[in-house]
C-alpha atoms as a PDB file:
ATOM      1  CA  UNK A   1      -0.280  -0.068  -0.085  1.00  0.00           C
ATOM      2  CA  UNK A   2       2.588   2.236   0.876  1.00  0.00           C
ATOM      3  CA  UNK A   3       4.584   1.460  -2.740  1.00  0.00           C
ATOM      4  CA  UNK A   4       1.208   2.433  -4.382  1.00  0.00           C
ATOM      5  CA  UNK A   5       1.138   6.031  -2.737  1.00  0.00           C
ATOM      6  CA  UNK A   6       4.973   6.223  -2.695  1.00  0.00           C
ATOM      7  CA  UNK A   7       4.239   6.363  -6.852  1.00  0.00           C
ATOM      8  CA  UNK A   8       1.204   7.770  -7.320  1.00  0.00           C
ATOM      9  CA  UNK A   9       2.683  10.593  -5.597  1.00  0.00           C
ATOM     10  CA  UNK A  10       6.377   9.999  -7.308  1.00  0.00           C
ATOM     11  CA  UNK A  11       4.449  10.040 -10.890  1.00  0.00           C
ATOM     12  CA  UNK A  12       2.041  13.030 -10.277  1.00  0.00           C
ATOM     13  CA  UNK A  13       4.627  15.338  -9.425  1.00  0.00           C
ATOM     14  CA  UNK A  14       7.724  14.441 -11.959  1.00  0.00           C
ATOM     15  CA  UNK A  15       4.680  14.878 -15.102  1.00  0.00           C
ATOM     16  CA  UNK A  16       4.340  17.906 -12.950  1.00  0.00           C
ATOM     17  CA  UNK A  17       7.507  18.552 -13.054  1.00  0.00           C
ATOM     18  CA  UNK A  18       7.790  17.834 -16.925  1.00  0.00           C
ATOM     19  CA  UNK A  19       4.757  20.414 -17.392  1.00  0.00           C
ATOM     20  CA  UNK A  20       6.501  23.195 -16.131  1.00  0.00           C
ATOM     21  CA  UNK A  21       9.964  23.010 -17.587  1.00  0.00           C
ATOM     22  CA  UNK A  22       7.483  22.590 -20.804  1.00  0.00           C
ATOM     23  CA  UNK A  23       6.083  26.315 -20.658  1.00  0.00           C
ATOM     24  CA  UNK A  24       7.468  28.640 -23.273  1.00  0.00           C
ATOM     25  CA  UNK A  25       8.305  31.894 -22.421  1.00  0.00           C
ATOM     26  CA  UNK A  26       7.843  32.396 -26.401  1.00  0.00           C
ATOM     27  CA  UNK A  27       4.480  31.697 -26.485  1.00  0.00           C
ATOM     28  CA  UNK A  28       2.166  33.859 -24.831  1.00  0.00           C
ATOM     29  CA  UNK A  29       2.532  36.451 -27.040  1.00  0.00           C
ATOM     30  CA  UNK A  30       1.463  34.591 -29.132  1.00  0.00           C
ATOM     31  CA  UNK A  31      -1.881  32.680 -27.265  1.00  0.00           C
ATOM     32  CA  UNK A  32      -2.899  36.351 -25.758  1.00  0.00           C
ATOM     33  CA  UNK A  33      -3.033  37.509 -29.267  1.00  0.00           C
ATOM     34  CA  UNK A  34      -5.300  34.044 -30.312  1.00  0.00           C
ATOM     35  CA  UNK A  35      -7.468  35.128 -27.542  1.00  0.00           C
ATOM     36  CA  UNK A  36      -7.860  38.570 -28.188  1.00  0.00           C
ATOM     37  CA  UNK A  37      -8.907  37.149 -31.566  1.00  0.00           C
ATOM     38  CA  UNK A  38     -11.846  35.152 -30.354  1.00  0.00           C
ATOM     39  CA  UNK A  39     -13.461  37.734 -28.366  1.00  0.00           C
ATOM     40  CA  UNK A  40     -13.222  39.740 -30.860  1.00  0.00           C
ATOM     41  CA  UNK A  41     -15.101  36.622 -33.138  1.00  0.00           C
ATOM     42  CA  UNK A  42     -18.219  37.145 -31.143  1.00  0.00           C
ATOM     43  CA  UNK A  43     -19.020  40.073 -33.025  1.00  0.00           C
ATOM     44  CA  UNK A  44     -21.608  39.015 -36.144  1.00  0.00           C
ATOM     45  CA  UNK A  45     -19.402  40.303 -38.883  1.00  0.00           C
ATOM     46  CA  UNK A  46     -16.554  38.520 -37.495  1.00  0.00           C
ATOM     47  CA  UNK A  47     -18.437  35.277 -36.884  1.00  0.00           C
ATOM     48  CA  UNK A  48     -19.223  35.451 -40.982  1.00  0.00           C
ATOM     49  CA  UNK A  49     -15.569  35.415 -41.892  1.00  0.00           C
ATOM     50  CA  UNK A  50     -14.489  33.108 -39.686  1.00  0.00           C
ATOM     51  CA  UNK A  51     -17.385  30.795 -40.871  1.00  0.00           C
ATOM     52  CA  UNK A  52     -16.824  31.735 -45.020  1.00  0.00           C
ATOM     53  CA  UNK A  53     -12.843  30.921 -43.787  1.00  0.00           C
ATOM     54  CA  UNK A  54     -14.087  27.426 -42.674  1.00  0.00           C
ATOM     55  CA  UNK A  55     -16.048  26.866 -46.039  1.00  0.00           C
ATOM     56  CA  UNK A  56     -13.093  26.821 -47.811  1.00  0.00           C
ATOM     57  CA  UNK A  57     -11.119  24.729 -45.963  1.00  0.00           C
ATOM     58  CA  UNK A  58     -14.274  22.335 -45.949  1.00  0.00           C
ATOM     59  CA  UNK A  59     -14.019  22.536 -49.660  1.00  0.00           C
ATOM     60  CA  UNK A  60     -10.623  21.737 -50.359  1.00  0.00           C
ATOM     61  CA  UNK A  61     -10.450  19.422 -48.403  1.00  0.00           C
ATOM     62  CA  UNK A  62     -13.477  17.854 -49.848  1.00  0.00           C
ATOM     63  CA  UNK A  63     -11.526  17.897 -53.050  1.00  0.00           C
ATOM     64  CA  UNK A  64      -8.310  16.092 -51.961  1.00  0.00           C
ATOM     65  CA  UNK A  65      -9.271  13.424 -50.260  1.00  0.00           C
ATOM     66  CA  UNK A  66     -12.974  13.055 -50.661  1.00  0.00           C
ATOM     67  CA  UNK A  67     -16.386  13.565 -48.420  1.00  0.00           C
ATOM     68  CA  UNK A  68     -15.653  10.881 -45.986  1.00  0.00           C
ATOM     69  CA  UNK A  69     -14.476  12.436 -42.789  1.00  0.00           C
ATOM     70  CA  UNK A  70     -13.212   8.729 -41.531  1.00  0.00           C
ATOM     71  CA  UNK A  71     -10.601   8.788 -44.565  1.00  0.00           C
ATOM     72  CA  UNK A  72      -9.653  12.213 -45.168  1.00  0.00           C
ATOM     73  CA  UNK A  73      -8.186  14.025 -42.301  1.00  0.00           C
ATOM     74  CA  UNK A  74      -8.264  17.187 -43.109  1.00  0.00           C
ATOM     75  CA  UNK A  75     -12.082  17.512 -43.642  1.00  0.00           C
ATOM     76  CA  UNK A  76     -12.276  15.851 -40.108  1.00  0.00           C
ATOM     77  CA  UNK A  77     -10.900  18.258 -39.230  1.00  0.00           C
ATOM     78  CA  UNK A  78     -12.706  21.860 -40.425  1.00  0.00           C
ATOM     79  CA  UNK A  79     -15.838  20.003 -39.579  1.00  0.00           C
ATOM     80  CA  UNK A  80     -14.959  19.787 -35.844  1.00  0.00           C
ATOM     81  CA  UNK A  81     -13.459  23.305 -36.420  1.00  0.00           C
ATOM     82  CA  UNK A  82     -17.104  24.139 -38.170  1.00  0.00           C
ATOM     83  CA  UNK A  83     -18.740  22.474 -35.294  1.00  0.00           C
ATOM     84  CA  UNK A  84     -16.392  24.844 -32.587  1.00  0.00           C
ATOM     85  CA  UNK A  85     -17.508  27.754 -34.550  1.00  0.00           C
ATOM     86  CA  UNK A  86     -21.100  26.954 -34.212  1.00  0.00           C
ATOM     87  CA  UNK A  87     -21.693  26.763 -37.445  1.00  0.00           C
ATOM     88  CA  UNK A  88     -25.220  25.313 -38.605  1.00  0.00           C
ATOM     89  CA  UNK A  89     -25.175  21.941 -40.458  1.00  0.00           C
ATOM     90  CA  UNK A  90     -27.216  23.299 -43.204  1.00  0.00           C
ATOM     91  CA  UNK A  91     -24.336  25.775 -43.782  1.00  0.00           C
ATOM     92  CA  UNK A  92     -21.312  22.338 -43.677  1.00  0.00           C
ATOM     93  CA  UNK A  93     -23.761  20.042 -45.651  1.00  0.00           C
ATOM     94  CA  UNK A  94     -24.455  22.626 -48.748  1.00  0.00           C
ATOM     95  CA  UNK A  95     -21.088  23.374 -48.220  1.00  0.00           C
ATOM     96  CA  UNK A  96     -19.549  19.103 -48.904  1.00  0.00           C
ATOM     97  CA  UNK A  97     -22.263  18.988 -51.252  1.00  0.00           C
ATOM     98  CA  UNK A  98     -21.080  21.766 -53.535  1.00  0.00           C
ATOM     99  CA  UNK A  99     -17.314  20.583 -53.053  1.00  0.00           C
ATOM    100  CA  UNK A 100     -18.777  16.531 -53.999  1.00  0.00           C
ATOM    101  CA  UNK A 101     -20.562  18.311 -57.061  1.00  0.00           C
ATOM    102  CA  UNK A 102     -18.825  21.099 -58.321  1.00  0.00           C
ATOM    103  CA  UNK A 103     -15.596  20.680 -56.928  1.00  0.00           C
ATOM    104  CA  UNK A 104     -13.174  23.316 -55.662  1.00  0.00           C
ATOM    105  CA  UNK A 105     -11.130  25.358 -57.230  1.00  0.00           C
ATOM    106  CA  UNK A 106      -9.094  27.499 -54.569  1.00  0.00           C
ATOM    107  CA  UNK A 107      -5.727  27.644 -54.327  1.00  0.00           C
ATOM    108  CA  UNK A 108      -3.008  28.004 -51.467  1.00  0.00           C
ATOM    109  CA  UNK A 109      -0.202  30.058 -51.836  1.00  0.00           C
ATOM    110  CA  UNK A 110       1.098  32.283 -48.824  1.00  0.00           C
ATOM    111  CA  UNK A 111       3.030  35.266 -48.247  1.00  0.00           C
ATOM    112  CA  UNK A 112       6.263  36.246 -45.979  1.00  0.00           C
ATOM    113  CA  UNK A 113       7.343  39.781 -44.844  1.00  0.00           C
ATOM    114  CA  UNK A 114       8.224  41.785 -42.424  1.00  0.00           C
ATOM    115  CA  UNK A 115       6.351  44.940 -40.577  1.00  0.00           C
ATOM    116  CA  UNK A 116       7.701  47.634 -39.805  1.00  0.00           C
ATOM    117  CA  UNK A 117      10.146  46.885 -37.095  1.00  0.00           C
ATOM    118  CA  UNK A 118      10.560  44.183 -38.210  1.00  0.00           C
ATOM    119  CA  UNK A 119       8.213  41.814 -37.269  1.00  0.00           C
ATOM    120  CA  UNK A 120       8.238  38.900 -39.390  1.00  0.00           C
ATOM    121  CA  UNK A 121       4.432  37.866 -41.270  1.00  0.00           C
ATOM    122  CA  UNK A 122       4.222  35.091 -42.431  1.00  0.00           C
ATOM    123  CA  UNK A 123      -0.019  34.690 -44.521  1.00  0.00           C
ATOM    124  CA  UNK A 124      -1.455  31.388 -45.676  1.00  0.00           C
ATOM    125  CA  UNK A 125      -4.785  32.037 -47.994  1.00  0.00           C
ATOM    126  CA  UNK A 126      -7.168  30.166 -50.258  1.00  0.00           C
ATOM    127  CA  UNK A 127      -7.864  32.277 -53.475  1.00  0.00           C
ATOM    128  CA  UNK A 128      -9.426  31.220 -56.757  1.00  0.00           C
ATOM    129  CA  UNK A 129      -7.465  34.199 -58.215  1.00  0.00           C
ATOM    130  CA  UNK A 130      -4.194  34.315 -57.271  1.00  0.00           C
ATOM    131  CA  UNK A 131      -3.491  37.896 -59.361  1.00  0.00           C
ATOM    132  CA  UNK A 132      -6.137  39.958 -57.460  1.00  0.00           C
ATOM    133  CA  UNK A 133      -4.306  38.069 -53.840  1.00  0.00           C
ATOM    134  CA  UNK A 134      -0.807  39.177 -54.734  1.00  0.00           C
ATOM    135  CA  UNK A 135      -2.098  42.462 -55.650  1.00  0.00           C
ATOM    136  CA  UNK A 136      -3.973  42.604 -52.215  1.00  0.00           C
ATOM    137  CA  UNK A 137      -1.400  40.929 -50.239  1.00  0.00           C
ATOM    138  CA  UNK A 138       1.506  43.614 -51.798  1.00  0.00           C
ATOM    139  CA  UNK A 139      -0.894  46.677 -51.847  1.00  0.00           C
ATOM    140  CA  UNK A 140      -1.445  46.087 -47.758  1.00  0.00           C
ATOM    141  CA  UNK A 141       2.406  46.122 -47.012  1.00  0.00           C
ATOM    142  CA  UNK A 142       3.296  48.989 -48.414  1.00  0.00           C
ATOM    143  CA  UNK A 143       1.070  51.035 -47.453  1.00  0.00           C
ATOM    144  CA  UNK A 144       1.451  49.826 -44.027  1.00  0.00           C
ATOM    145  CA  UNK A 145       5.158  49.958 -44.468  1.00  0.00           C
ATOM    146  CA  UNK A 146       6.068  47.342 -44.850  1.00  0.00           C
ATOM    147  CA  UNK A 147       7.843  44.817 -47.130  1.00  0.00           C
ATOM    148  CA  UNK A 148       6.932  41.863 -49.277  1.00  0.00           C
ATOM    149  CA  UNK A 149       9.463  39.159 -48.921  1.00  0.00           C
ATOM    150  CA  UNK A 150      10.487  35.652 -51.322  1.00  0.00           C
ATOM    151  CA  UNK A 151       8.982  32.583 -50.256  1.00  0.00           C
ATOM    152  CA  UNK A 152      11.174  30.786 -47.763  1.00  0.00           C
ATOM    153  CA  UNK A 153      13.128  33.867 -46.604  1.00  0.00           C
ATOM    154  CA  UNK A 154      11.172  34.084 -43.228  1.00  0.00           C
ATOM    155  CA  UNK A 155       9.452  30.387 -42.563  1.00  0.00           C
ATOM    156  CA  UNK A 156      12.532  29.505 -40.934  1.00  0.00           C
ATOM    157  CA  UNK A 157      11.541  32.120 -37.965  1.00  0.00           C
ATOM    158  CA  UNK A 158       8.139  29.684 -37.156  1.00  0.00           C
ATOM    159  CA  UNK A 159       7.980  26.388 -35.882  1.00  0.00           C
ATOM    160  CA  UNK A 160       4.674  24.073 -37.121  1.00  0.00           C
ATOM    161  CA  UNK A 161       2.774  23.047 -33.581  1.00  0.00           C
ATOM    162  CA  UNK A 162      -0.442  22.064 -32.627  1.00  0.00           C
ATOM    163  CA  UNK A 163      -3.001  24.324 -31.090  1.00  0.00           C
ATOM    164  CA  UNK A 164      -5.750  23.367 -29.460  1.00  0.00           C
ATOM    165  CA  UNK A 165      -9.343  25.307 -27.602  1.00  0.00           C
ATOM    166  CA  UNK A 166     -11.297  23.385 -25.292  1.00  0.00           C
ATOM    167  CA  UNK A 167     -13.887  25.277 -23.471  1.00  0.00           C
ATOM    168  CA  UNK A 168     -13.477  24.751 -20.047  1.00  0.00           C
ATOM    169  CA  UNK A 169     -17.354  24.312 -18.942  1.00  0.00           C
ATOM    170  CA  UNK A 170     -17.308  22.064 -15.624  1.00  0.00           C
ATOM    171  CA  UNK A 171     -13.408  20.097 -16.651  1.00  0.00           C
ATOM    172  CA  UNK A 172     -11.271  20.615 -13.541  1.00  0.00           C
ATOM    173  CA  UNK A 173      -7.986  21.836 -14.357  1.00  0.00           C
ATOM    174  CA  UNK A 174      -5.724  19.932 -12.444  1.00  0.00           C
ATOM    175  CA  UNK A 175      -7.101  16.452 -13.503  1.00  0.00           C
ATOM    176  CA  UNK A 176      -7.405  17.378 -17.123  1.00  0.00           C
ATOM    177  CA  UNK A 177      -4.172  18.280 -17.328  1.00  0.00           C
ATOM    178  CA  UNK A 178      -2.595  15.234 -15.526  1.00  0.00           C
ATOM    179  CA  UNK A 179      -4.537  12.879 -17.977  1.00  0.00           C
ATOM    180  CA  UNK A 180      -3.305  14.921 -20.868  1.00  0.00           C
ATOM    181  CA  UNK A 181      -0.251  16.039 -20.855  1.00  0.00           C
ATOM    182  CA  UNK A 182       1.022  12.320 -21.520  1.00  0.00           C
ATOM    183  CA  UNK A 183      -0.739  12.300 -24.575  1.00  0.00           C
ATOM    184  CA  UNK A 184       1.727  14.631 -26.694  1.00  0.00           C
ATOM    185  CA  UNK A 185       0.939  18.287 -24.413  1.00  0.00           C
ATOM    186  CA  UNK A 186       3.870  21.092 -24.949  1.00  0.00           C
ATOM    187  CA  UNK A 187       2.066  23.136 -23.364  1.00  0.00           C
ATOM    188  CA  UNK A 188      -0.681  23.572 -20.679  1.00  0.00           C
ATOM    189  CA  UNK A 189      -2.468  27.388 -20.699  1.00  0.00           C
ATOM    190  CA  UNK A 190      -5.119  28.358 -18.586  1.00  0.00           C
ATOM    191  CA  UNK A 191      -7.356  31.318 -20.158  1.00  0.00           C
ATOM    192  CA  UNK A 192     -10.326  32.669 -18.918  1.00  0.00           C
ATOM    193  CA  UNK A 193     -12.968  30.476 -20.872  1.00  0.00           C
ATOM    194  CA  UNK A 194     -10.471  28.226 -22.372  1.00  0.00           C
ATOM    195  CA  UNK A 195      -7.194  25.949 -22.386  1.00  0.00           C
ATOM    196  CA  UNK A 196      -5.476  26.525 -24.973  1.00  0.00           C
ATOM    197  CA  UNK A 197      -2.960  23.446 -25.846  1.00  0.00           C
ATOM    198  CA  UNK A 198       0.049  23.259 -27.283  1.00  0.00           C
ATOM    199  CA  UNK A 199       1.379  20.008 -29.088  1.00  0.00           C
ATOM    200  CA  UNK A 200       4.343  19.263 -31.335  1.00  0.00           C
ATOM    201  CA  UNK A 201       3.651  18.990 -34.649  1.00  0.00           C
ATOM    202  CA  UNK A 202       4.079  15.073 -35.236  1.00  0.00           C
ATOM    203  CA  UNK A 203       1.713  14.630 -31.279  1.00  0.00           C
ATOM    204  CA  UNK A 204      -1.051  16.632 -32.765  1.00  0.00           C
ATOM    205  CA  UNK A 205      -3.047  13.638 -33.600  1.00  0.00           C
ATOM    206  CA  UNK A 206      -2.418  11.810 -30.378  1.00  0.00           C
ATOM    207  CA  UNK A 207      -3.486  14.796 -28.213  1.00  0.00           C
ATOM    208  CA  UNK A 208      -6.634  14.787 -30.918  1.00  0.00           C
ATOM    209  CA  UNK A 209      -7.546  11.646 -30.253  1.00  0.00           C
ATOM    210  CA  UNK A 210      -7.084  11.582 -26.426  1.00  0.00           C
ATOM    211  CA  UNK A 211      -9.364  14.059 -25.951  1.00  0.00           C
ATOM    212  CA  UNK A 212     -12.018  12.386 -28.072  1.00  0.00           C
ATOM    213  CA  UNK A 213     -11.312   9.737 -25.630  1.00  0.00           C
ATOM    214  CA  UNK A 214     -12.298  11.407 -23.553  1.00  0.00           C
ATOM    215  CA  UNK A 215     -14.911  12.775 -24.280  1.00  0.00           C
ATOM    216  CA  UNK A 216     -14.477  16.396 -24.930  1.00  0.00           C
ATOM    217  CA  UNK A 217     -14.600  18.438 -28.207  1.00  0.00           C
ATOM    218  CA  UNK A 218     -12.666  21.167 -28.619  1.00  0.00           C
ATOM    219  CA  UNK A 219     -13.760  24.675 -29.592  1.00  0.00           C
ATOM    220  CA  UNK A 220     -10.983  25.083 -32.304  1.00  0.00           C
ATOM    221  CA  UNK A 221      -8.194  22.348 -33.470  1.00  0.00           C
ATOM    222  CA  UNK A 222      -5.613  23.396 -36.001  1.00  0.00           C
ATOM    223  CA  UNK A 223      -1.936  23.294 -36.918  1.00  0.00           C
ATOM    224  CA  UNK A 224      -0.620  27.055 -36.138  1.00  0.00           C
ATOM    225  CA  UNK A 225       3.149  28.315 -37.099  1.00  0.00           C
ATOM    226  CA  UNK A 226       4.940  29.923 -33.944  1.00  0.00           C
ATOM    227  CA  UNK A 227       7.417  32.058 -33.595  1.00  0.00           C
ATOM    228  CA  UNK A 228      10.845  30.541 -32.267  1.00  0.00           C
ATOM    229  CA  UNK A 229      11.862  34.410 -31.151  1.00  0.00           C
ATOM    230  CA  UNK A 230       9.847  38.030 -30.546  1.00  0.00           C
ATOM    231  CA  UNK A 231       9.874  41.593 -31.346  1.00  0.00           C
ATOM    232  CA  UNK A 232       9.156  44.271 -29.115  1.00  0.00           C
ATOM    233  CA  UNK A 233       8.110  47.459 -29.962  1.00  0.00           C
ATOM    234  CA  UNK A 234       6.974  50.908 -28.126  1.00  0.00           C
ATOM    235  CA  UNK A 235       3.179  50.866 -27.743  1.00  0.00           C
ATOM    236  CA  UNK A 236       2.908  53.577 -31.093  1.00  0.00           C
ATOM    237  CA  UNK A 237       4.101  51.273 -33.388  1.00  0.00           C
ATOM    238  CA  UNK A 238       2.587  47.612 -31.892  1.00  0.00           C
ATOM    239  CA  UNK A 239      -0.173  49.117 -32.642  1.00  0.00           C
ATOM    240  CA  UNK A 240       0.095  49.811 -36.610  1.00  0.00           C
ATOM    241  CA  UNK A 241       1.379  45.974 -36.493  1.00  0.00           C
ATOM    242  CA  UNK A 242      -1.283  44.994 -34.974  1.00  0.00           C
ATOM    243  CA  UNK A 243      -3.369  47.217 -37.757  1.00  0.00           C
ATOM    244  CA  UNK A 244      -1.823  45.848 -40.573  1.00  0.00           C
ATOM    245  CA  UNK A 245      -2.563  41.984 -39.038  1.00  0.00           C
ATOM    246  CA  UNK A 246      -5.643  43.411 -38.994  1.00  0.00           C
ATOM    247  CA  UNK A 247      -6.258  44.318 -42.715  1.00  0.00           C
ATOM    248  CA  UNK A 248      -4.759  41.135 -43.355  1.00  0.00           C
ATOM    249  CA  UNK A 249      -7.344  39.188 -42.277  1.00  0.00           C
ATOM    250  CA  UNK A 250     -10.178  41.085 -43.415  1.00  0.00           C
ATOM    251  CA  UNK A 251      -8.807  40.024 -46.971  1.00  0.00           C
ATOM    252  CA  UNK A 252     -11.715  37.029 -47.614  1.00  0.00           C
ATOM    253  CA  UNK A 253      -8.344  35.662 -49.405  1.00  0.00           C
ATOM    254  CA  UNK A 254      -6.579  35.435 -46.439  1.00  0.00           C
ATOM    255  CA  UNK A 255      -7.090  31.883 -43.803  1.00  0.00           C
ATOM    256  CA  UNK A 256      -4.581  32.731 -40.962  1.00  0.00           C
ATOM    257  CA  UNK A 257      -1.578  35.700 -40.526  1.00  0.00           C
ATOM    258  CA  UNK A 258       1.023  34.360 -38.205  1.00  0.00           C
ATOM    259  CA  UNK A 259       3.697  37.156 -36.807  1.00  0.00           C
ATOM    260  CA  UNK A 260       5.923  37.203 -34.255  1.00  0.00           C
ATOM    261  CA  UNK A 261       5.309  40.804 -32.234  1.00  0.00           C
ATOM    262  CA  UNK A 262       5.555  40.704 -28.532  1.00  0.00           C
ATOM    263  CA  UNK A 263       1.624  40.890 -27.038  1.00  0.00           C
ATOM    264  CA  UNK A 264       2.961  42.602 -24.006  1.00  0.00           C
ATOM    265  CA  UNK A 265       0.435  42.759 -20.693  1.00  0.00           C
ATOM    266  CA  UNK A 266      -0.209  47.218 -21.787  1.00  0.00           C
ATOM    267  CA  UNK A 267      -0.499  46.151 -24.878  1.00  0.00           C
ATOM    268  CA  UNK A 268      -3.232  43.565 -24.302  1.00  0.00           C
ATOM    269  CA  UNK A 269      -4.668  46.007 -22.651  1.00  0.00           C
ATOM    270  CA  UNK A 270      -4.854  48.648 -25.017  1.00  0.00           C
ATOM    271  CA  UNK A 271      -6.794  46.597 -28.047  1.00  0.00           C
ATOM    272  CA  UNK A 272      -9.387  43.702 -25.682  1.00  0.00           C
ATOM    273  CA  UNK A 273     -12.578  44.607 -26.476  1.00  0.00           C
END
């Protein structure tokens, strides 16, 4: 009996120590900005754009590997995110049917460049008109004092990670943290209404499966580009960069925008809505 309790508390302490070691200072700004975007996403106009992006992702996924979610991991993830965003079932089914009958003519393109102050920006797009998208992206960089670079010039500044957002609801934080950490979690953060889980690219699917086994449905799960280091600017310069990022995100062709601006506590207070 003594050995049983010793092993339990030893394993508990070891797992907690491992989690602490895995905490990353570099992630703080990224996660805070993700939280702000999540809050902004409650507005009707923002939700409409989120739905539009999800529809594109569903259609591209269907075109790539068919409409069976069990045989199509990309579609399964897109459907999960659509449900997490409370997209109506009819909208989801229409997107699948359209892709099945007509196909999706979207092309995946990426852009890399610098915002003012040397902040690295990585943009992922799905477009049916590449010339329009290139023109819009270049124009925004130029108008805001940034520079559009060549593909591959900045990709080394970002690591591909899995980021999963789970609503708190009635989940016990400590029990959940201890249960999920063994699936390959690199970071576990507690925000006001959600848990934010970060995984390596290789463990992303393992953590998704673990959540499914636990009967927990994420609000959002996706592969993101996490900066390897962050750039700290003064308040005025930071706000200019975030305005540029927001304009990129408003573009219908843009799916995701990543950057390495350090989002400080002071900046958080300035931009919170």
